[in-house]
Amino acid sequence: EFSKEIKHKINNKTKPLGSLGTLETIAEKLCLI
């Protein structure tokens, strides 16, 4: 359930949505862990 908050932080970085690709997935997993 914490993923929604993590993705909000990632999506509000100064970049187009999803533009850091796998790095975004890794960052989300680190935050969850």
All heavy atoms as atom14 arrays in JSON, in Angstrom:
{
  "sequence": "EFSKEIKHKINNKTKPLGSLGTLETIAEKLCLI",
  "atom14_mask": [
    [1, 1, 1, 1, 1, 1, 1, 1, 1, 0, 0, 0, 0, 0],
    [1, 1, 1, 1, 1, 1, 1, 1, 1, 1, 1, 0, 0, 0],
    [1, 1, 1, 1, 1, 1, 0, 0, 0, 0, 0, 0, 0, 0],
    [1, 1, 1, 1, 1, 1, 1, 1, 1, 0, 0, 0, 0, 0],
    [1, 1, 1, 1, 1, 1, 1, 1, 1, 0, 0, 0, 0, 0],
    [1, 1, 1, 1, 1, 1, 1, 1, 0, 0, 0, 0, 0, 0],
    [1, 1, 1, 1, 1, 1, 1, 1, 1, 0, 0, 0, 0, 0],
    [1, 1, 1, 1, 1, 1, 1, 1, 1, 1, 0, 0, 0, 0],
    [1, 1, 1, 1, 1, 1, 1, 1, 1, 0, 0, 0, 0, 0],
    [1, 1, 1, 1, 1, 1, 1, 1, 0, 0, 0, 0, 0, 0],
    [1, 1, 1, 1, 1, 1, 1, 1, 0, 0, 0, 0, 0, 0],
    [1, 1, 1, 1, 1, 1, 1, 1, 0, 0, 0, 0, 0, 0],
    [1, 1, 1, 1, 1, 1, 1, 1, 1, 0, 0, 0, 0, 0],
    [1, 1, 1, 1, 1, 1, 1, 0, 0, 0, 0, 0, 0, 0],
    [1, 1, 1, 1, 1, 1, 1, 1, 1, 0, 0, 0, 0, 0],
    [1, 1, 1, 1, 1, 1, 1, 0, 0, 0, 0, 0, 0, 0],
    [1, 1, 1, 1, 1, 1, 1, 1, 0, 0, 0, 0, 0, 0],
    [1, 1, 1, 1, 0, 0, 0, 0, 0, 0, 0, 0, 0, 0],
    [1, 1, 1, 1, 1, 1, 0, 0, 0, 0, 0, 0, 0, 0],
    [1, 1, 1, 1, 1, 1, 1, 1, 0, 0, 0, 0, 0, 0],
    [1, 1, 1, 1, 0, 0, 0, 0, 0, 0, 0, 0, 0, 0],
    [1, 1, 1, 1, 1, 1, 1, 0, 0, 0, 0, 0, 0, 0],
    [1, 1, 1, 1, 1, 1, 1, 1, 0, 0, 0, 0, 0, 0],
    [1, 1, 1, 1, 1, 1, 1, 1, 1, 0, 0, 0, 0, 0],
    [1, 1, 1, 1, 1, 1, 1, 0, 0, 0, 0, 0, 0, 0],
    [1, 1, 1, 1, 1, 1, 1, 1, 0, 0, 0, 0, 0, 0],
    [1, 1, 1, 1, 1, 0, 0, 0, 0, 0, 0, 0, 0, 0],
    [1, 1, 1, 1, 1, 1, 1, 1, 1, 0, 0, 0, 0, 0],
    [1, 1, 1, 1, 1, 1, 1, 1, 1, 0, 0, 0, 0, 0],
    [1, 1, 1, 1, 1, 1, 1, 1, 0, 0, 0, 0, 0, 0],
    [1, 1, 1, 1, 1, 1, 0, 0, 0, 0, 0, 0, 0, 0],
    [1, 1, 1, 1, 1, 1, 1, 1, 0, 0, 0, 0, 0, 0],
    [1, 1, 1, 1, 1, 1, 1, 1, 0, 0, 0, 0, 0, 0]
  ],
  "atom14_positions": [
    [[0.83, -1.21, 0.0], [0.0, 0.0, 0.0], [0.86, 1.27, 0.0], [0.4, 2.34, -0.41], [-0.94, 0.0, 1.21], [-1.99, -1.1, 1.15], [-2.92, -1.08, 2.34], [-2.79, -0.17, 3.19], [-3.79, -1.98, 2.43], [0.0, 0.0, 0.0], [0.0, 0.0, 0.0], [0.0, 0.0, 0.0], [0.0, 0.0, 0.0], [0.0, 0.0, 0.0]],
    [[2.1, 1.13, 0.43], [3.03, 2.27, 0.46], [3.46, 2.67, -0.96], [3.95, 3.77, -1.18], [4.24, 1.89, 1.31], [5.19, 3.01, 1.61], [4.76, 4.31, 1.86], [6.56, 2.77, 1.66], [5.66, 5.33, 2.14], [7.47, 3.77, 1.94], [7.01, 5.06, 2.18], [0.0, 0.0, 0.0], [0.0, 0.0, 0.0], [0.0, 0.0, 0.0]],
    [[3.25, 1.78, -1.92], [3.69, 2.04, -3.3], [3.07, 3.31, -3.88], [3.71, 4.03, -4.65], [3.35, 0.86, -4.21], [4.25, -0.19, -4.03], [0.0, 0.0, 0.0], [0.0, 0.0, 0.0], [0.0, 0.0, 0.0], [0.0, 0.0, 0.0], [0.0, 0.0, 0.0], [0.0, 0.0, 0.0], [0.0, 0.0, 0.0], [0.0, 0.0, 0.0]],
    [[1.83, 3.58, -3.53], [1.16, 4.77, -4.07], [1.9, 6.04, -3.68], [2.12, 6.94, -4.5], [-0.28, 4.83, -3.57], [-1.09, 5.96, -4.18], [-2.55, 5.89, -3.73], [-3.36, 7.02, -4.35], [-4.79, 6.98, -3.91], [0.0, 0.0, 0.0], [0.0, 0.0, 0.0], [0.0, 0.0, 0.0], [0.0, 0.0, 0.0], [0.0, 0.0, 0.0]],
    [[2.34, 6.12, -2.42], [3.08, 7.29, -1.94], [4.46, 7.36, -2.6], [4.94, 8.46, -2.96], [3.21, 7.21, -0.41], [3.69, 8.49, 0.23], [3.66, 8.42, 1.75], [3.0, 7.51, 2.3], [4.3, 9.29, 2.39], [0.0, 0.0, 0.0], [0.0, 0.0, 0.0], [0.0, 0.0, 0.0], [0.0, 0.0, 0.0], [0.0, 0.0, 0.0]],
    [[5.1, 6.21, -2.77], [6.42, 6.17, -3.42], [6.3, 6.65, -4.86], [7.1, 7.49, -5.33], [7.0, 4.75, -3.38], [7.18, 4.27, -1.93], [8.35, 4.71, -4.11], [7.43, 2.78, -1.82], [0.0, 0.0, 0.0], [0.0, 0.0, 0.0], [0.0, 0.0, 0.0], [0.0, 0.0, 0.0], [0.0, 0.0, 0.0], [0.0, 0.0, 0.0]],
    [[5.34, 6.13, -5.58], [5.17, 6.5, -6.99], [4.83, 7.97, -7.14], [5.25, 8.62, -8.11], [4.09, 5.62, -7.63], [4.55, 4.19, -7.85], [3.44, 3.31, -8.39], [3.92, 1.89, -8.63], [2.84, 0.97, -9.03], [0.0, 0.0, 0.0], [0.0, 0.0, 0.0], [0.0, 0.0, 0.0], [0.0, 0.0, 0.0], [0.0, 0.0, 0.0]],
    [[4.09, 8.51, -6.18], [3.79, 9.95, -6.22], [5.08, 10.76, -6.14], [5.26, 11.73, -6.88], [2.85, 10.32, -5.07], [2.55, 11.79, -5.0], [1.65, 12.42, -5.85], [3.04, 12.77, -4.2], [1.59, 13.71, -5.57], [2.44, 13.94, -4.56], [0.0, 0.0, 0.0], [0.0, 0.0, 0.0], [0.0, 0.0, 0.0], [0.0, 0.0, 0.0]],
    [[5.99, 10.35, -5.25], [7.27, 11.07, -5.14], [8.07, 10.93, -6.42], [8.64, 11.92, -6.93], [8.08, 10.52, -3.95], [9.42, 11.25, -3.77], [10.19, 10.79, -2.55], [11.5, 11.58, -2.42], [12.3, 11.15, -1.23], [0.0, 0.0, 0.0], [0.0, 0.0, 0.0], [0.0, 0.0, 0.0], [0.0, 0.0, 0.0], [0.0, 0.0, 0.0]],
    [[8.14, 9.72, -6.97], [8.9, 9.49, -8.21], [8.31, 10.29, -9.36], [9.04, 10.93, -10.14], [8.91, 7.99, -8.54], [9.78, 7.22, -7.53], [9.44, 7.75, -9.96], [9.68, 5.72, -7.64], [0.0, 0.0, 0.0], [0.0, 0.0, 0.0], [0.0, 0.0, 0.0], [0.0, 0.0, 0.0], [0.0, 0.0, 0.0], [0.0, 0.0, 0.0]],
    [[6.99, 10.3, -9.47], [6.33, 10.96, -10.6], [6.4, 12.48, -10.52], [6.15, 13.16, -11.53], [4.87, 10.52, -10.7], [4.74, 9.08, -11.14], [5.66, 8.5, -11.71], [3.59, 8.48, -10.87], [0.0, 0.0, 0.0], [0.0, 0.0, 0.0], [0.0, 0.0, 0.0], [0.0, 0.0, 0.0], [0.0, 0.0, 0.0], [0.0, 0.0, 0.0]],
    [[6.73, 13.01, -9.35], [6.83, 14.46, -9.21], [8.26, 14.96, -9.29], [8.53, 16.14, -9.01], [6.16, 14.91, -7.9], [4.66, 15.03, -8.06], [4.15, 16.03, -8.53], [3.94, 13.98, -7.69], [0.0, 0.0, 0.0], [0.0, 0.0, 0.0], [0.0, 0.0, 0.0], [0.0, 0.0, 0.0], [0.0, 0.0, 0.0], [0.0, 0.0, 0.0]],
    [[9.19, 14.09, -9.67], [10.54, 14.55, -9.98], [10.52, 15.29, -11.32], [9.61, 15.1, -12.13], [11.5, 13.35, -10.05], [11.67, 12.6, -8.73], [12.31, 13.44, -7.66], [12.57, 12.65, -6.39], [13.2, 13.48, -5.32], [0.0, 0.0, 0.0], [0.0, 0.0, 0.0], [0.0, 0.0, 0.0], [0.0, 0.0, 0.0], [0.0, 0.0, 0.0]],
    [[11.52, 16.13, -11.55], [11.54, 16.94, -12.77], [11.96, 16.1, -13.98], [13.09, 16.17, -14.46], [12.5, 18.14, -12.6], [13.75, 17.65, -12.07], [11.93, 19.17, -11.67], [0.0, 0.0, 0.0], [0.0, 0.0, 0.0], [0.0, 0.0, 0.0], [0.0, 0.0, 0.0], [0.0, 0.0, 0.0], [0.0, 0.0, 0.0], [0.0, 0.0, 0.0]],
    [[10.99, 15.34, -14.46], [11.21, 14.44, -15.59], [9.85, 14.01, -16.13], [8.85, 14.05, -15.41], [12.0, 13.2, -15.15], [11.26, 12.39, -14.1], [11.96, 11.12, -13.71], [11.11, 10.34, -12.72], [9.79, 9.96, -13.24], [0.0, 0.0, 0.0], [0.0, 0.0, 0.0], [0.0, 0.0, 0.0], [0.0, 0.0, 0.0], [0.0, 0.0, 0.0]],
    [[9.8, 13.57, -17.38], [8.56, 12.97, -17.88], [8.23, 11.69, -17.13], [9.12, 10.99, -16.64], [8.87, 12.68, -19.36], [10.02, 13.58, -19.69], [10.81, 13.72, -18.43], [0.0, 0.0, 0.0], [0.0, 0.0, 0.0], [0.0, 0.0, 0.0], [0.0, 0.0, 0.0], [0.0, 0.0, 0.0], [0.0, 0.0, 0.0], [0.0, 0.0, 0.0]],
    [[6.95, 11.37, -17.03], [6.52, 10.17, -16.32], [7.21, 8.92, -16.9], [7.22, 8.72, -18.12], [5.01, 10.0, -16.42], [4.14, 10.93, -15.58], [2.67, 10.72, -15.9], [4.41, 10.71, -14.1], [0.0, 0.0, 0.0], [0.0, 0.0, 0.0], [0.0, 0.0, 0.0], [0.0, 0.0, 0.0], [0.0, 0.0, 0.0], [0.0, 0.0, 0.0]],
    [[7.78, 8.11, -16.02], [8.37, 6.85, -16.42], [9.68, 6.95, -17.17], [10.23, 5.94, -17.63], [0.0, 0.0, 0.0], [0.0, 0.0, 0.0], [0.0, 0.0, 0.0], [0.0, 0.0, 0.0], [0.0, 0.0, 0.0], [0.0, 0.0, 0.0], [0.0, 0.0, 0.0], [0.0, 0.0, 0.0], [0.0, 0.0, 0.0], [0.0, 0.0, 0.0]],
    [[10.25, 8.15, -17.27], [11.41, 8.34, -18.15], [12.71, 7.78, -17.58], [13.69, 7.68, -18.31], [11.58, 9.83, -18.47], [11.77, 10.58, -17.28], [0.0, 0.0, 0.0], [0.0, 0.0, 0.0], [0.0, 0.0, 0.0], [0.0, 0.0, 0.0], [0.0, 0.0, 0.0], [0.0, 0.0, 0.0], [0.0, 0.0, 0.0], [0.0, 0.0, 0.0]],
    [[12.74, 7.4, -16.31], [13.93, 6.75, -15.76], [13.78, 5.22, -15.73], [14.62, 4.53, -15.16], [14.27, 7.29, -14.37], [14.94, 8.68, -14.39], [15.2, 9.18, -12.97], [16.25, 8.65, -15.17], [0.0, 0.0, 0.0], [0.0, 0.0, 0.0], [0.0, 0.0, 0.0], [0.0, 0.0, 0.0], [0.0, 0.0, 0.0], [0.0, 0.0, 0.0]],
    [[12.73, 4.74, -16.34], [12.59, 3.31, -16.6], [12.83, 2.41, -15.39], [12.2, 2.58, -14.34], [0.0, 0.0, 0.0], [0.0, 0.0, 0.0], [0.0, 0.0, 0.0], [0.0, 0.0, 0.0], [0.0, 0.0, 0.0], [0.0, 0.0, 0.0], [0.0, 0.0, 0.0], [0.0, 0.0, 0.0], [0.0, 0.0, 0.0], [0.0, 0.0, 0.0]],
    [[13.75, 1.48, -15.56], [14.03, 0.49, -14.52], [14.53, 1.13, -13.22], [14.31, 0.59, -12.13], [15.05, -0.55, -15.03], [14.52, -1.19, -16.19], [15.36, -1.61, -13.99], [0.0, 0.0, 0.0], [0.0, 0.0, 0.0], [0.0, 0.0, 0.0], [0.0, 0.0, 0.0], [0.0, 0.0, 0.0], [0.0, 0.0, 0.0], [0.0, 0.0, 0.0]],
    [[15.19, 2.27, -13.32], [15.64, 2.95, -12.1], [14.45, 3.27, -11.2], [14.56, 3.23, -9.96], [16.39, 4.24, -12.44], [17.81, 4.12, -12.99], [18.41, 5.51, -13.18], [18.69, 3.27, -12.09], [0.0, 0.0, 0.0], [0.0, 0.0, 0.0], [0.0, 0.0, 0.0], [0.0, 0.0, 0.0], [0.0, 0.0, 0.0], [0.0, 0.0, 0.0]],
    [[13.32, 3.61, -11.78], [12.13, 3.92, -10.99], [11.63, 2.68, -10.27], [11.22, 2.73, -9.11], [11.06, 4.53, -11.89], [11.49, 5.84, -12.54], [10.38, 6.53, -13.31], [9.19, 6.17, -13.12], [10.68, 7.45, -14.1], [0.0, 0.0, 0.0], [0.0, 0.0, 0.0], [0.0, 0.0, 0.0], [0.0, 0.0, 0.0], [0.0, 0.0, 0.0]],
    [[11.66, 1.55, -10.96], [11.24, 0.29, -10.34], [12.16, -0.09, -9.19], [11.7, -0.53, -8.12], [11.25, -0.84, -11.39], [10.44, -0.45, -12.5], [10.71, -2.13, -10.81], [0.0, 0.0, 0.0], [0.0, 0.0, 0.0], [0.0, 0.0, 0.0], [0.0, 0.0, 0.0], [0.0, 0.0, 0.0], [0.0, 0.0, 0.0], [0.0, 0.0, 0.0]],
    [[13.47, 0.09, -9.39], [14.43, -0.23, -8.33], [14.23, 0.7, -7.14], [14.23, 0.26, -5.98], [15.88, -0.13, -8.86], [16.12, -1.17, -9.95], [16.89, -0.31, -7.72], [17.44, -0.97, -10.7], [0.0, 0.0, 0.0], [0.0, 0.0, 0.0], [0.0, 0.0, 0.0], [0.0, 0.0, 0.0], [0.0, 0.0, 0.0], [0.0, 0.0, 0.0]],
    [[14.06, 1.98, -7.41], [13.85, 2.95, -6.32], [12.61, 2.6, -5.51], [12.62, 2.66, -4.27], [13.73, 4.36, -6.9], [0.0, 0.0, 0.0], [0.0, 0.0, 0.0], [0.0, 0.0, 0.0], [0.0, 0.0, 0.0], [0.0, 0.0, 0.0], [0.0, 0.0, 0.0], [0.0, 0.0, 0.0], [0.0, 0.0, 0.0], [0.0, 0.0, 0.0]],
    [[11.55, 2.22, -6.2], [10.33, 1.83, -5.49], [10.58, 0.64, -4.59], [10.13, 0.6, -3.44], [9.21, 1.53, -6.5], [7.91, 1.13, -5.83], [6.82, 0.75, -6.82], [7.04, 0.89, -8.05], [5.75, 0.3, -6.36], [0.0, 0.0, 0.0], [0.0, 0.0, 0.0], [0.0, 0.0, 0.0], [0.0, 0.0, 0.0], [0.0, 0.0, 0.0]],
    [[11.32, -0.35, -5.1], [11.58, -1.54, -4.3], [12.45, -1.2, -3.08], [12.21, -1.72, -1.98], [12.26, -2.61, -5.15], [12.35, -3.96, -4.45], [11.99, -5.1, -5.38], [11.7, -6.38, -4.64], [11.33, -7.48, -5.55], [0.0, 0.0, 0.0], [0.0, 0.0, 0.0], [0.0, 0.0, 0.0], [0.0, 0.0, 0.0], [0.0, 0.0, 0.0]],
    [[13.45, -0.36, -3.26], [14.27, 0.05, -2.12], [13.42, 0.73, -1.06], [13.58, 0.48, 0.15], [15.38, 0.99, -2.58], [16.49, 0.39, -3.45], [17.42, 1.5, -3.94], [17.28, -0.68, -2.71], [0.0, 0.0, 0.0], [0.0, 0.0, 0.0], [0.0, 0.0, 0.0], [0.0, 0.0, 0.0], [0.0, 0.0, 0.0], [0.0, 0.0, 0.0]],
    [[12.51, 1.59, -1.49], [11.63, 2.27, -0.54], [10.72, 1.29, 0.19], [10.5, 1.41, 1.4], [10.78, 3.31, -1.27], [11.7, 4.76, -1.86], [0.0, 0.0, 0.0], [0.0, 0.0, 0.0], [0.0, 0.0, 0.0], [0.0, 0.0, 0.0], [0.0, 0.0, 0.0], [0.0, 0.0, 0.0], [0.0, 0.0, 0.0], [0.0, 0.0, 0.0]],
    [[10.19, 0.31, -0.53], [9.33, -0.69, 0.09], [10.1, -1.53, 1.11], [9.62, -1.78, 2.22], [8.74, -1.6, -0.98], [7.61, -1.02, -1.83], [7.28, -1.94, -2.99], [6.36, -0.77, -0.99], [0.0, 0.0, 0.0], [0.0, 0.0, 0.0], [0.0, 0.0, 0.0], [0.0, 0.0, 0.0], [0.0, 0.0, 0.0], [0.0, 0.0, 0.0]],
    [[11.3, -1.95, 0.75], [12.11, -2.77, 1.65], [12.43, -2.02, 2.93], [12.33, -2.56, 4.04], [13.41, -3.23, 0.95], [13.08, -4.25, -0.15], [14.41, -3.82, 1.95], [14.26, -4.58, -1.07], [0.0, 0.0, 0.0], [0.0, 0.0, 0.0], [0.0, 0.0, 0.0], [0.0, 0.0, 0.0], [0.0, 0.0, 0.0], [0.0, 0.0, 0.0]]
  ]
}
